[in-house]
Each structure stands twice: as structure tokens, then as C-alpha cells.
Amino acid sequence: MNNPKYISVEEALDWLTNVAAADGLLTQSERSVIKSFADSYHINAGDIIDKASTALKGVKPEVEIIDYKAKNGLLFEQLIASFLKDKKRFTLLSWTGDKYVQGIYDQTNLDPDLHIQQIINNQAIDYYIECKWHHFWQRGETDYFYEMRPEQLARYRAFQRKNRRKVLVAYAYGRTGDNPRGIYLIPLNAFHNARITKRVADNKYRIQPNAEALAQYIENFFAEVFTSWSK
């Protein structure tokens, strides 16, 4: 029987790094595993990781890092946009894209996602929808809630005043952006201290995931808006 061949810890760490980088990409999780292995044997893994990173420069990765939240956020935007297929009722006037590079982005990226025109009682009404998808409702002491960043809410309220057009937040949670557990259409004035509770949202702002539910909600919403203006 042949004697087993052993390799040094340093060689094992080197092989581990090569395996992790075999697909042309060394992810943060893989770096953490390598560092944990090295720390267990009191070895500085920095030089080996740097060596692997240098070797990967110019190599096209076999895989792509996907931002799960960003991906589902886009899927949810696409889901809402898919409700606008009826051209006799809806027109998608604009769809803001979140494009940026090295921290440089068009200022319109900060505008609400969808600018929509809808025919209500033979009258064209246009409004904006900002789409938000999250894994879950946050948990408070007495209720679950969704909280928008205060500066973001202030920006949308300023946008609403400046453009004299209503902005609503389409909020979805759970599963995936194209198949969430629930969808809500929330007017900006429903947020108190940039927060809305799940109880309030369930009672007033939840809609079914289809075009008819969106259209009916908007009709009812503007009926209330026009009534308040006439008083």
C-alpha cells in the first residue's frame, strides 16, 4: 500500500484559492472562507488572495455577481409596467432607469420610476409610481411596518409639488419581485415620519396583482383627490 502524500497548510490554502477562483471570479464570500482557513492555522492569507486577484485581471468570469435586491426591484418594476398593456386605458410616458458608473448618474435617476397616463371618464390623468420591493416588513414593538428613507420621501414630496402630479409608492414584499406576497399602492401623505404600518397598509392600500386592480385603485384615488379640491 502506498504511503499517503501530504501537502503543507500553505499549499492547501493555495489550492483552496485556485478552486475558488476557477470560475474567473473571487467573491467576497470566497475571500472570507480563505481568510477563515488561514486564520485557523495562523497564516496571513493576504498575499495569496492578492496573488489570485492579480491573476484574475483580464480574465472573463464564467459567472456574474447578482444583487438580489436590485434584481427583484427591477422585476417588480417590470411587473407593474406589465399591468399597462391596455393602450386604450394606459400610456407609459416614461420609465426611469437606474444607470450609473463610478458614482456618476443622471439626476433623473432620482425621479419616481414610472410616469403613467390613464384615461378616467374620458379624461387623461397622469401620475407617477415609485416601485419598492423588500424581503419582508420590518418588525416594530406593536406592528410591522415599511419605512422609507426620510430624505427619499422628502425628495418625492418636493417632486410632487414641483410637477403638480401625484406620486404613489408601489410597495411589494416577499418571494420575488415578479411574484410578491402582497402589493400596495401608497400615497405619499400616508407616510408618517417616513413610515407606514402593515395594519394601515392592509386596510387601505393593498391591491390584487393585476391591471384592473391598479386601474380601479387609481380611479378611486383621483375621485377622492378631485373631491377634496372642490371643497
C-alpha atoms as a PDB file:
ATOM      1  CA  MET A   1       0.000   0.000   0.000  1.00  0.00           C
ATOM      2  CA  ASN A   2       1.421   3.384  -0.987  1.00  0.00           C
ATOM      3  CA  ASN A   3       2.022   5.930   1.716  1.00  0.00           C
ATOM      4  CA  PRO A   4      -0.406   8.889   1.535  1.00  0.00           C
ATOM      5  CA  LYS A   5       1.054  12.121   0.230  1.00  0.00           C
ATOM      6  CA  TYR A   6       0.587  15.159   2.417  1.00  0.00           C
ATOM      7  CA  ILE A   7       0.811  18.801   1.434  1.00  0.00           C
ATOM      8  CA  SER A   8       1.579  21.770   3.619  1.00  0.00           C
ATOM      9  CA  VAL A   9      -1.110  24.052   5.002  1.00  0.00           C
ATOM     10  CA  GLU A  10       0.245  26.828   2.758  1.00  0.00           C
ATOM     11  CA  GLU A  11      -0.139  24.577  -0.291  1.00  0.00           C
ATOM     12  CA  ALA A  12      -3.671  23.626   0.795  1.00  0.00           C
ATOM     13  CA  LEU A  13      -4.532  27.296   1.146  1.00  0.00           C
ATOM     14  CA  ASP A  14      -3.086  27.978  -2.296  1.00  0.00           C
ATOM     15  CA  TRP A  15      -5.194  25.180  -3.790  1.00  0.00           C
ATOM     16  CA  LEU A  16      -8.274  26.462  -1.988  1.00  0.00           C
ATOM     17  CA  THR A  17      -7.706  29.893  -3.538  1.00  0.00           C
ATOM     18  CA  ASN A  18      -7.263  28.378  -7.001  1.00  0.00           C
ATOM     19  CA  VAL A  19     -10.503  26.394  -6.659  1.00  0.00           C
ATOM     20  CA  ALA A  20     -12.409  29.472  -5.518  1.00  0.00           C
ATOM     21  CA  ALA A  21     -11.112  31.484  -8.471  1.00  0.00           C
ATOM     22  CA  ALA A  22     -11.542  28.717 -11.050  1.00  0.00           C
ATOM     23  CA  ASP A  23     -14.694  30.351 -12.429  1.00  0.00           C
ATOM     24  CA  GLY A  24     -12.815  33.598 -13.075  1.00  0.00           C
ATOM     25  CA  LEU A  25     -14.274  35.395 -10.070  1.00  0.00           C
ATOM     26  CA  LEU A  26     -13.165  35.640  -6.438  1.00  0.00           C
ATOM     27  CA  THR A  27     -16.221  36.676  -4.452  1.00  0.00           C
ATOM     28  CA  GLN A  28     -16.268  38.278  -1.028  1.00  0.00           C
ATOM     29  CA  SER A  29     -17.706  35.082   0.465  1.00  0.00           C
ATOM     30  CA  GLU A  30     -14.855  33.048  -1.019  1.00  0.00           C
ATOM     31  CA  ARG A  31     -12.312  35.522   0.341  1.00  0.00           C
ATOM     32  CA  SER A  32     -13.899  35.131   3.776  1.00  0.00           C
ATOM     33  CA  VAL A  33     -13.608  31.312   3.620  1.00  0.00           C
ATOM     34  CA  ILE A  34      -9.954  31.552   2.596  1.00  0.00           C
ATOM     35  CA  LYS A  35      -9.214  34.010   5.376  1.00  0.00           C
ATOM     36  CA  SER A  36     -11.009  31.833   7.938  1.00  0.00           C
ATOM     37  CA  PHE A  37      -8.945  28.815   6.849  1.00  0.00           C
ATOM     38  CA  ALA A  38      -5.738  30.824   7.050  1.00  0.00           C
ATOM     39  CA  ASP A  39      -6.613  32.270  10.461  1.00  0.00           C
ATOM     40  CA  SER A  40      -7.176  28.767  11.814  1.00  0.00           C
ATOM     41  CA  TYR A  41      -3.528  27.984  11.088  1.00  0.00           C
ATOM     42  CA  HIS A  42      -2.196  31.459  11.951  1.00  0.00           C
ATOM     43  CA  ILE A  43      -1.285  32.216   8.346  1.00  0.00           C
ATOM     44  CA  ASN A  44      -1.590  35.561   6.595  1.00  0.00           C
ATOM     45  CA  ALA A  45      -3.842  34.860   3.595  1.00  0.00           C
ATOM     46  CA  GLY A  46      -3.482  38.371   2.199  1.00  0.00           C
ATOM     47  CA  ASP A  47      -0.561  37.615  -0.108  1.00  0.00           C
ATOM     48  CA  ILE A  48      -2.263  34.537  -1.567  1.00  0.00           C
ATOM     49  CA  ILE A  49      -5.542  36.376  -2.143  1.00  0.00           C
ATOM     50  CA  ASP A  50      -3.657  39.288  -3.740  1.00  0.00           C
ATOM     51  CA  LYS A  51      -1.831  36.835  -5.987  1.00  0.00           C
ATOM     52  CA  ALA A  52      -5.116  35.240  -7.070  1.00  0.00           C
ATOM     53  CA  SER A  53      -6.732  38.647  -7.646  1.00  0.00           C
ATOM     54  CA  THR A  54      -3.804  39.746  -9.812  1.00  0.00           C
ATOM     55  CA  ALA A  55      -4.000  36.550 -11.866  1.00  0.00           C
ATOM     56  CA  LEU A  56      -7.712  37.129 -12.470  1.00  0.00           C
ATOM     57  CA  LYS A  57      -7.234  40.560 -14.019  1.00  0.00           C
ATOM     58  CA  GLY A  58      -8.300  40.458 -17.647  1.00  0.00           C
ATOM     59  CA  VAL A  59      -9.969  37.056 -17.246  1.00  0.00           C
ATOM     60  CA  LYS A  60     -13.651  36.983 -18.234  1.00  0.00           C
ATOM     61  CA  PRO A  61     -15.688  35.463 -15.376  1.00  0.00           C
ATOM     62  CA  GLU A  62     -17.842  32.418 -16.035  1.00  0.00           C
ATOM     63  CA  VAL A  63     -20.373  33.748 -13.530  1.00  0.00           C
ATOM     64  CA  GLU A  64     -21.895  37.118 -12.746  1.00  0.00           C
ATOM     65  CA  ILE A  65     -22.462  38.650  -9.332  1.00  0.00           C
ATOM     66  CA  ILE A  66     -26.154  39.453  -8.972  1.00  0.00           C
ATOM     67  CA  ASP A  67     -27.515  41.975  -6.491  1.00  0.00           C
ATOM     68  CA  TYR A  68     -30.568  40.038  -5.280  1.00  0.00           C
ATOM     69  CA  LYS A  69     -32.418  43.107  -4.020  1.00  0.00           C
ATOM     70  CA  ALA A  70     -31.697  45.149  -7.151  1.00  0.00           C
ATOM     71  CA  LYS A  71     -32.740  42.245  -9.378  1.00  0.00           C
ATOM     72  CA  ASN A  72     -36.069  41.833  -7.589  1.00  0.00           C
ATOM     73  CA  GLY A  73     -36.602  45.584  -7.541  1.00  0.00           C
ATOM     74  CA  LEU A  74     -36.323  45.595 -11.340  1.00  0.00           C
ATOM     75  CA  LEU A  75     -38.601  42.560 -11.611  1.00  0.00           C
ATOM     76  CA  PHE A  76     -41.213  44.403  -9.566  1.00  0.00           C
ATOM     77  CA  GLU A  77     -40.964  47.475 -11.804  1.00  0.00           C
ATOM     78  CA  GLN A  78     -41.476  45.180 -14.783  1.00  0.00           C
ATOM     79  CA  LEU A  79     -44.485  43.586 -13.084  1.00  0.00           C
ATOM     80  CA  ILE A  80     -46.154  46.973 -12.535  1.00  0.00           C
ATOM     81  CA  ALA A  81     -45.288  48.021 -16.105  1.00  0.00           C
ATOM     82  CA  SER A  82     -46.882  44.791 -17.380  1.00  0.00           C
ATOM     83  CA  PHE A  83     -50.217  45.983 -15.961  1.00  0.00           C
ATOM     84  CA  LEU A  84     -50.197  48.832 -18.502  1.00  0.00           C
ATOM     85  CA  LYS A  85     -50.711  46.739 -21.635  1.00  0.00           C
ATOM     86  CA  ASP A  86     -54.185  48.107 -22.362  1.00  0.00           C
ATOM     87  CA  LYS A  87     -53.303  51.022 -24.659  1.00  0.00           C
ATOM     88  CA  LYS A  88     -56.881  52.317 -24.609  1.00  0.00           C
ATOM     89  CA  ARG A  89     -56.538  52.871 -20.863  1.00  0.00           C
ATOM     90  CA  PHE A  90     -52.826  53.321 -20.106  1.00  0.00           C
ATOM     91  CA  THR A  91     -49.825  55.045 -21.647  1.00  0.00           C
ATOM     92  CA  LEU A  92     -46.369  54.624 -20.118  1.00  0.00           C
ATOM     93  CA  LEU A  93     -44.937  58.106 -20.612  1.00  0.00           C
ATOM     94  CA  SER A  94     -41.503  57.372 -19.169  1.00  0.00           C
ATOM     95  CA  TRP A  95     -39.576  54.726 -17.275  1.00  0.00           C
ATOM     96  CA  THR A  96     -36.618  55.974 -15.270  1.00  0.00           C
ATOM     97  CA  GLY A  97     -33.573  53.700 -15.424  1.00  0.00           C
ATOM     98  CA  ASP A  98     -31.133  53.318 -12.533  1.00  0.00           C
ATOM     99  CA  LYS A  99     -27.974  53.685 -14.611  1.00  0.00           C
ATOM    100  CA  TYR A 100     -24.701  54.787 -13.052  1.00  0.00           C
ATOM    101  CA  VAL A 101     -20.964  54.223 -13.233  1.00  0.00           C
ATOM    102  CA  GLN A 102     -18.346  55.029 -10.604  1.00  0.00           C
ATOM    103  CA  GLY A 103     -20.842  57.102  -8.656  1.00  0.00           C
ATOM    104  CA  ILE A 104     -21.862  59.166 -11.711  1.00  0.00           C
ATOM    105  CA  TYR A 105     -25.549  59.140 -12.599  1.00  0.00           C
ATOM    106  CA  ASP A 106     -28.200  61.192 -14.367  1.00  0.00           C
ATOM    107  CA  GLN A 107     -30.226  63.297 -11.914  1.00  0.00           C
ATOM    108  CA  THR A 108     -33.418  61.868 -13.410  1.00  0.00           C
ATOM    109  CA  ASN A 109     -32.421  58.567 -11.768  1.00  0.00           C
ATOM    110  CA  LEU A 110     -33.702  60.159  -8.559  1.00  0.00           C
ATOM    111  CA  ASP A 111     -37.180  60.681 -10.034  1.00  0.00           C
ATOM    112  CA  PRO A 112     -40.016  58.159  -9.487  1.00  0.00           C
ATOM    113  CA  ASP A 113     -39.734  55.039 -11.648  1.00  0.00           C
ATOM    114  CA  LEU A 114     -42.867  55.188 -13.812  1.00  0.00           C
ATOM    115  CA  HIS A 115     -44.732  58.133 -15.325  1.00  0.00           C
ATOM    116  CA  ILE A 116     -48.173  56.871 -16.360  1.00  0.00           C
ATOM    117  CA  GLN A 117     -51.116  58.378 -18.180  1.00  0.00           C
ATOM    118  CA  GLN A 118     -54.520  56.815 -17.542  1.00  0.00           C
ATOM    119  CA  ILE A 119     -57.891  57.520 -19.121  1.00  0.00           C
ATOM    120  CA  ILE A 120     -60.528  58.075 -16.434  1.00  0.00           C
ATOM    121  CA  ASN A 121     -64.033  59.023 -17.557  1.00  0.00           C
ATOM    122  CA  ASN A 122     -62.676  60.072 -20.976  1.00  0.00           C
ATOM    123  CA  GLN A 123     -60.128  62.341 -19.312  1.00  0.00           C
ATOM    124  CA  ALA A 124     -56.359  61.774 -19.410  1.00  0.00           C
ATOM    125  CA  ILE A 125     -54.794  61.837 -15.945  1.00  0.00           C
ATOM    126  CA  ASP A 126     -51.070  61.369 -15.412  1.00  0.00           C
ATOM    127  CA  TYR A 127     -49.246  60.371 -12.253  1.00  0.00           C
ATOM    128  CA  TYR A 128     -46.011  58.773 -11.043  1.00  0.00           C
ATOM    129  CA  ILE A 129     -45.300  55.463  -9.329  1.00  0.00           C
ATOM    130  CA  GLU A 130     -42.141  54.677  -7.380  1.00  0.00           C
ATOM    131  CA  CYS A 131     -41.632  50.908  -7.061  1.00  0.00           C
ATOM    132  CA  LYS A 132     -40.195  49.361  -3.903  1.00  0.00           C
ATOM    133  CA  TRP A 133     -39.658  45.649  -3.255  1.00  0.00           C
ATOM    134  CA  HIS A 134     -38.372  44.274   0.060  1.00  0.00           C
ATOM    135  CA  HIS A 135     -37.863  40.843   1.554  1.00  0.00           C
ATOM    136  CA  PHE A 136     -40.243  41.478   4.448  1.00  0.00           C
ATOM    137  CA  TRP A 137     -41.992  44.058   6.593  1.00  0.00           C
ATOM    138  CA  GLN A 138     -39.819  45.387   9.405  1.00  0.00           C
ATOM    139  CA  ARG A 139     -40.919  44.422  12.895  1.00  0.00           C
ATOM    140  CA  GLY A 140     -41.725  47.084  15.485  1.00  0.00           C
ATOM    141  CA  GLU A 141     -42.860  46.840  19.086  1.00  0.00           C
ATOM    142  CA  THR A 142     -46.575  46.815  18.250  1.00  0.00           C
ATOM    143  CA  ASP A 143     -46.815  46.333  14.490  1.00  0.00           C
ATOM    144  CA  TYR A 144     -44.896  45.540  11.334  1.00  0.00           C
ATOM    145  CA  PHE A 145     -44.016  48.477   9.116  1.00  0.00           C
ATOM    146  CA  TYR A 146     -42.308  49.687   5.959  1.00  0.00           C
ATOM    147  CA  GLU A 147     -40.017  52.674   6.326  1.00  0.00           C
ATOM    148  CA  MET A 148     -38.697  54.814   3.510  1.00  0.00           C
ATOM    149  CA  ARG A 149     -35.541  56.859   3.942  1.00  0.00           C
ATOM    150  CA  PRO A 150     -36.699  60.312   5.147  1.00  0.00           C
ATOM    151  CA  GLU A 151     -34.581  62.144   2.578  1.00  0.00           C
ATOM    152  CA  GLN A 152     -36.048  59.994  -0.200  1.00  0.00           C
ATOM    153  CA  LEU A 153     -39.614  60.668   0.931  1.00  0.00           C
ATOM    154  CA  ALA A 154     -38.843  64.403   1.150  1.00  0.00           C
ATOM    155  CA  ARG A 155     -37.447  64.293  -2.403  1.00  0.00           C
ATOM    156  CA  TYR A 156     -40.603  62.645  -3.785  1.00  0.00           C
ATOM    157  CA  ARG A 157     -42.815  65.147  -1.974  1.00  0.00           C
ATOM    158  CA  ALA A 158     -40.779  68.009  -3.434  1.00  0.00           C
ATOM    159  CA  PHE A 159     -41.040  66.366  -6.882  1.00  0.00           C
ATOM    160  CA  GLN A 160     -44.817  66.093  -6.442  1.00  0.00           C
ATOM    161  CA  ARG A 161     -45.143  69.787  -5.541  1.00  0.00           C
ATOM    162  CA  LYS A 162     -42.858  70.948  -8.339  1.00  0.00           C
ATOM    163  CA  ASN A 163     -44.504  68.868 -11.077  1.00  0.00           C
ATOM    164  CA  ARG A 164     -48.046  69.149  -9.720  1.00  0.00           C
ATOM    165  CA  ARG A 165     -48.514  65.458 -10.273  1.00  0.00           C
ATOM    166  CA  LYS A 166     -49.342  62.816  -7.697  1.00  0.00           C
ATOM    167  CA  VAL A 167     -46.660  60.328  -6.707  1.00  0.00           C
ATOM    168  CA  LEU A 168     -47.623  56.948  -5.271  1.00  0.00           C
ATOM    169  CA  VAL A 169     -45.371  54.246  -3.857  1.00  0.00           C
ATOM    170  CA  ALA A 170     -45.974  50.724  -5.148  1.00  0.00           C
ATOM    171  CA  TYR A 171     -44.652  48.534  -2.345  1.00  0.00           C
ATOM    172  CA  ALA A 172     -44.228  44.768  -2.548  1.00  0.00           C
ATOM    173  CA  TYR A 173     -42.737  42.279  -0.135  1.00  0.00           C
ATOM    174  CA  GLY A 174     -41.666  38.659  -0.072  1.00  0.00           C
ATOM    175  CA  ARG A 175     -40.941  35.925  -2.599  1.00  0.00           C
ATOM    176  CA  THR A 176     -39.636  37.619  -5.744  1.00  0.00           C
ATOM    177  CA  GLY A 177     -40.258  40.930  -7.468  1.00  0.00           C
ATOM    178  CA  ASP A 178     -42.375  39.313 -10.184  1.00  0.00           C
ATOM    179  CA  ASN A 179     -44.382  37.204  -7.698  1.00  0.00           C
ATOM    180  CA  PRO A 180     -44.549  39.042  -4.355  1.00  0.00           C
ATOM    181  CA  ARG A 181     -46.716  38.082  -1.391  1.00  0.00           C
ATOM    182  CA  GLY A 182     -48.515  41.412  -1.489  1.00  0.00           C
ATOM    183  CA  ILE A 183     -48.715  44.659  -3.472  1.00  0.00           C
ATOM    184  CA  TYR A 184     -49.704  48.037  -2.076  1.00  0.00           C
ATOM    185  CA  LEU A 185     -50.250  51.455  -3.686  1.00  0.00           C
ATOM    186  CA  ILE A 186     -49.494  54.066  -1.049  1.00  0.00           C
ATOM    187  CA  PRO A 187     -49.921  57.857  -1.459  1.00  0.00           C
ATOM    188  CA  LEU A 188     -47.075  59.940  -0.056  1.00  0.00           C
ATOM    189  CA  ASN A 189     -49.316  61.579   2.543  1.00  0.00           C
ATOM    190  CA  ALA A 190     -49.999  58.136   4.074  1.00  0.00           C
ATOM    191  CA  PHE A 191     -46.411  58.015   5.366  1.00  0.00           C
ATOM    192  CA  HIS A 192     -45.991  59.423   8.876  1.00  0.00           C
ATOM    193  CA  ASN A 193     -42.382  60.047   9.845  1.00  0.00           C
ATOM    194  CA  ALA A 194     -41.469  58.180   6.631  1.00  0.00           C
ATOM    195  CA  ARG A 195     -43.214  55.057   7.938  1.00  0.00           C
ATOM    196  CA  ILE A 196     -46.444  53.175   7.299  1.00  0.00           C
ATOM    197  CA  THR A 197     -47.635  50.198   9.331  1.00  0.00           C
ATOM    198  CA  LYS A 198     -48.696  46.912   7.796  1.00  0.00           C
ATOM    199  CA  ARG A 199     -52.081  47.181   9.530  1.00  0.00           C
ATOM    200  CA  VAL A 200     -52.861  50.511   7.845  1.00  0.00           C
ATOM    201  CA  ALA A 201     -51.493  49.322   4.508  1.00  0.00           C
ATOM    202  CA  ASP A 202     -53.549  46.110   4.611  1.00  0.00           C
ATOM    203  CA  ASN A 203     -56.731  48.024   5.421  1.00  0.00           C
ATOM    204  CA  LYS A 204     -56.432  50.801   2.855  1.00  0.00           C
ATOM    205  CA  TYR A 205     -53.770  50.278   0.207  1.00  0.00           C
ATOM    206  CA  ARG A 206     -53.451  46.603  -0.721  1.00  0.00           C
ATOM    207  CA  ILE A 207     -54.403  45.672  -4.294  1.00  0.00           C
ATOM    208  CA  GLN A 208     -54.612  42.487  -6.317  1.00  0.00           C
ATOM    209  CA  PRO A 209     -51.677  41.912  -8.706  1.00  0.00           C
ATOM    210  CA  ASN A 210     -53.414  42.771 -11.972  1.00  0.00           C
ATOM    211  CA  ALA A 211     -54.167  45.659 -14.313  1.00  0.00           C
ATOM    212  CA  GLU A 212     -57.823  46.009 -13.347  1.00  0.00           C
ATOM    213  CA  ALA A 213     -56.976  46.399  -9.669  1.00  0.00           C
ATOM    214  CA  LEU A 214     -54.393  49.088 -10.489  1.00  0.00           C
ATOM    215  CA  ALA A 215     -56.818  50.978 -12.729  1.00  0.00           C
ATOM    216  CA  GLN A 216     -59.661  50.825 -10.209  1.00  0.00           C
ATOM    217  CA  TYR A 217     -57.440  51.955  -7.355  1.00  0.00           C
ATOM    218  CA  ILE A 218     -56.221  54.959  -9.348  1.00  0.00           C
ATOM    219  CA  GLU A 219     -59.795  55.885 -10.354  1.00  0.00           C
ATOM    220  CA  ASN A 220     -60.884  55.822  -6.711  1.00  0.00           C
ATOM    221  CA  PHE A 221     -57.772  57.690  -5.607  1.00  0.00           C
ATOM    222  CA  PHE A 222     -58.297  60.567  -8.035  1.00  0.00           C
ATOM    223  CA  ALA A 223     -62.029  60.670  -7.273  1.00  0.00           C
ATOM    224  CA  GLU A 224     -61.031  61.448  -3.670  1.00  0.00           C
ATOM    225  CA  VAL A 225     -58.389  63.950  -4.823  1.00  0.00           C
ATOM    226  CA  PHE A 226     -60.835  65.827  -7.060  1.00  0.00           C
ATOM    227  CA  THR A 227     -63.463  65.828  -4.303  1.00  0.00           C
ATOM    228  CA  SER A 228     -61.008  67.357  -1.838  1.00  0.00           C
ATOM    229  CA  TRP A 229     -60.014  70.010  -4.397  1.00  0.00           C
ATOM    230  CA  SER A 230     -63.639  71.016  -4.979  1.00  0.00           C
ATOM    231  CA  LYS A 231     -64.292  71.685  -1.294  1.00  0.00           C
END
